[in-house]
């Protein structure tokens, strides 16, 4: 990713992150709840950004690009999808509780709702 794209994503996180959290705990929650889901998304390059976001790349059926997860004031997660070029895809999905996070991610990345 170019520096300009990385700066655009960093600016987005600064504007949209409401609370600091440990991104690696959130990664563990996702990968432990349904271990096959992240594999089906082709999830890779997991990383935290300033304790304000979990970021990873996916190659799913519905979304191929960057996924950014932030934590809201009410201890709910917000999911933001980006193209590889750094452009946001659609609207963010907000107010997701931890026990539903992996399932909502799957609906956005791999398997649409019926």
Protein backbone atom coordinates (compact mmCIF):
# COMPACT_ATOMS: atom_id res chain seq x y z
CA UNK A 1 0.00 0.00 0.00
CA UNK A 2 1.32 3.39 -0.89
CA UNK A 3 2.02 5.98 1.75
CA UNK A 4 -0.90 8.13 0.53
CA UNK A 5 -3.33 5.19 0.88
CA UNK A 6 -1.96 4.35 4.32
CA UNK A 7 -2.33 7.99 5.38
CA UNK A 8 -5.94 8.04 4.13
CA UNK A 9 -6.75 4.94 6.18
CA UNK A 10 -4.95 6.33 9.23
CA UNK A 11 -6.94 9.57 8.91
CA UNK A 12 -10.16 7.55 8.66
CA UNK A 13 -9.27 5.67 11.86
CA UNK A 14 -8.44 8.89 13.70
CA UNK A 15 -11.84 10.30 12.71
CA UNK A 16 -13.86 7.13 13.42
CA UNK A 17 -12.20 5.31 16.32
CA UNK A 18 -14.08 6.08 19.49
CA UNK A 19 -12.25 3.93 22.06
CA UNK A 20 -8.88 2.31 22.40
CA UNK A 21 -8.78 -1.49 22.68
CA UNK A 22 -6.41 -4.41 22.21
CA UNK A 23 -6.80 -5.43 18.55
CA UNK A 24 -5.12 -8.78 19.13
CA UNK A 25 -7.78 -9.77 21.66
CA UNK A 26 -10.41 -8.98 19.04
CA UNK A 27 -8.49 -11.04 16.48
CA UNK A 28 -8.44 -13.95 18.93
CA UNK A 29 -12.19 -13.59 19.51
CA UNK A 30 -12.81 -13.79 15.76
CA UNK A 31 -10.44 -16.67 15.05
CA UNK A 32 -11.41 -18.73 18.12
CA UNK A 33 -15.20 -18.45 17.74
CA UNK A 34 -15.30 -19.86 14.20
CA UNK A 35 -11.76 -20.77 13.07
CA UNK A 36 -12.83 -21.81 9.55
CA UNK A 37 -14.45 -18.46 8.77
CA UNK A 38 -11.27 -16.36 8.61
CA UNK A 39 -9.66 -19.12 6.56
CA UNK A 40 -12.55 -19.00 4.07
CA UNK A 41 -12.09 -15.24 3.79
CA UNK A 42 -8.40 -15.65 3.00
CA UNK A 43 -7.72 -13.35 5.97
CA UNK A 44 -4.08 -12.33 6.29
CA UNK A 45 -1.80 -9.52 7.43
CA UNK A 46 -3.63 -9.02 10.73
CA UNK A 47 -2.43 -5.99 12.65
CA UNK A 48 -3.40 -3.33 15.11
CA UNK A 49 -3.25 0.37 14.42
CA UNK A 50 -2.46 2.54 17.48
CA UNK A 51 -4.73 0.42 19.73
CA UNK A 52 -7.64 2.02 17.85
CA UNK A 53 -8.29 -0.50 15.07
CA UNK A 54 -7.82 -4.07 13.95
CA UNK A 55 -6.90 -4.24 10.29
CA UNK A 56 -6.57 -7.23 7.97
CA UNK A 57 -6.82 -8.14 4.29
CA UNK A 58 -9.40 -10.57 2.89
CA UNK A 59 -10.07 -12.27 -0.40
CA UNK A 60 -13.70 -13.27 0.08
CA UNK A 61 -16.46 -13.91 -2.42
CA UNK A 62 -18.23 -10.61 -1.65
CA UNK A 63 -15.33 -8.43 -0.57
CA UNK A 64 -11.70 -8.42 -1.57
CA UNK A 65 -9.71 -5.77 0.20
CA UNK A 66 -9.11 -4.32 3.63
CA UNK A 67 -11.26 -4.77 6.74
CA UNK A 68 -10.93 -2.34 9.62
CA UNK A 69 -12.66 -2.92 12.94
CA UNK A 70 -13.00 -0.14 15.51
CA UNK A 71 -14.61 -0.07 18.96
CA UNK A 72 -17.47 2.30 19.71
CA UNK A 73 -18.38 4.13 22.91
CA UNK A 74 -20.97 1.49 23.86
CA UNK A 75 -18.43 -1.38 23.63
CA UNK A 76 -19.79 -2.43 20.26
CA UNK A 77 -17.71 -2.93 17.16
CA UNK A 78 -17.84 -1.05 13.87
CA UNK A 79 -16.74 -2.68 10.62
CA UNK A 80 -15.35 -0.64 7.76
CA UNK A 81 -14.54 -2.15 4.35
CA UNK A 82 -11.95 -0.67 1.99
CA UNK A 83 -10.70 -1.49 -1.47
CA UNK A 84 -7.00 -2.23 -1.86
CA UNK A 85 -6.58 1.32 -3.18
CA UNK A 86 -7.74 2.77 0.16
CA UNK A 87 -11.26 3.82 -0.92
CA UNK A 88 -14.06 2.96 1.50
CA UNK A 89 -16.66 0.49 0.21
CA UNK A 90 -20.23 1.45 1.11
CA UNK A 91 -21.29 2.45 4.59
CA UNK A 92 -19.75 1.19 7.80
CA UNK A 93 -21.62 -1.50 9.74
CA UNK A 94 -21.98 -0.26 13.31
CA UNK A 95 -23.07 -1.38 16.78
CA UNK A 96 -22.06 -5.04 16.56
CA UNK A 97 -21.73 -7.02 19.77
CA UNK A 98 -18.70 -9.29 20.21
CA UNK A 99 -20.71 -12.52 20.00
CA UNK A 100 -22.05 -11.51 16.56
CA UNK A 101 -18.85 -10.01 15.14
CA UNK A 102 -17.58 -13.05 13.24
CA UNK A 103 -21.03 -13.76 11.74
CA UNK A 104 -21.54 -10.19 10.55
CA UNK A 105 -18.02 -10.20 9.10
CA UNK A 106 -18.87 -13.39 7.22
CA UNK A 107 -22.04 -11.80 5.79
CA UNK A 108 -20.00 -8.82 4.55
CA UNK A 109 -17.01 -10.78 3.24
CA UNK A 110 -18.11 -14.24 2.15
CA UNK A 111 -21.72 -15.36 2.54
CA UNK A 112 -24.65 -12.99 1.89
CA UNK A 113 -27.79 -13.16 4.00
CA UNK A 114 -30.55 -15.24 2.53
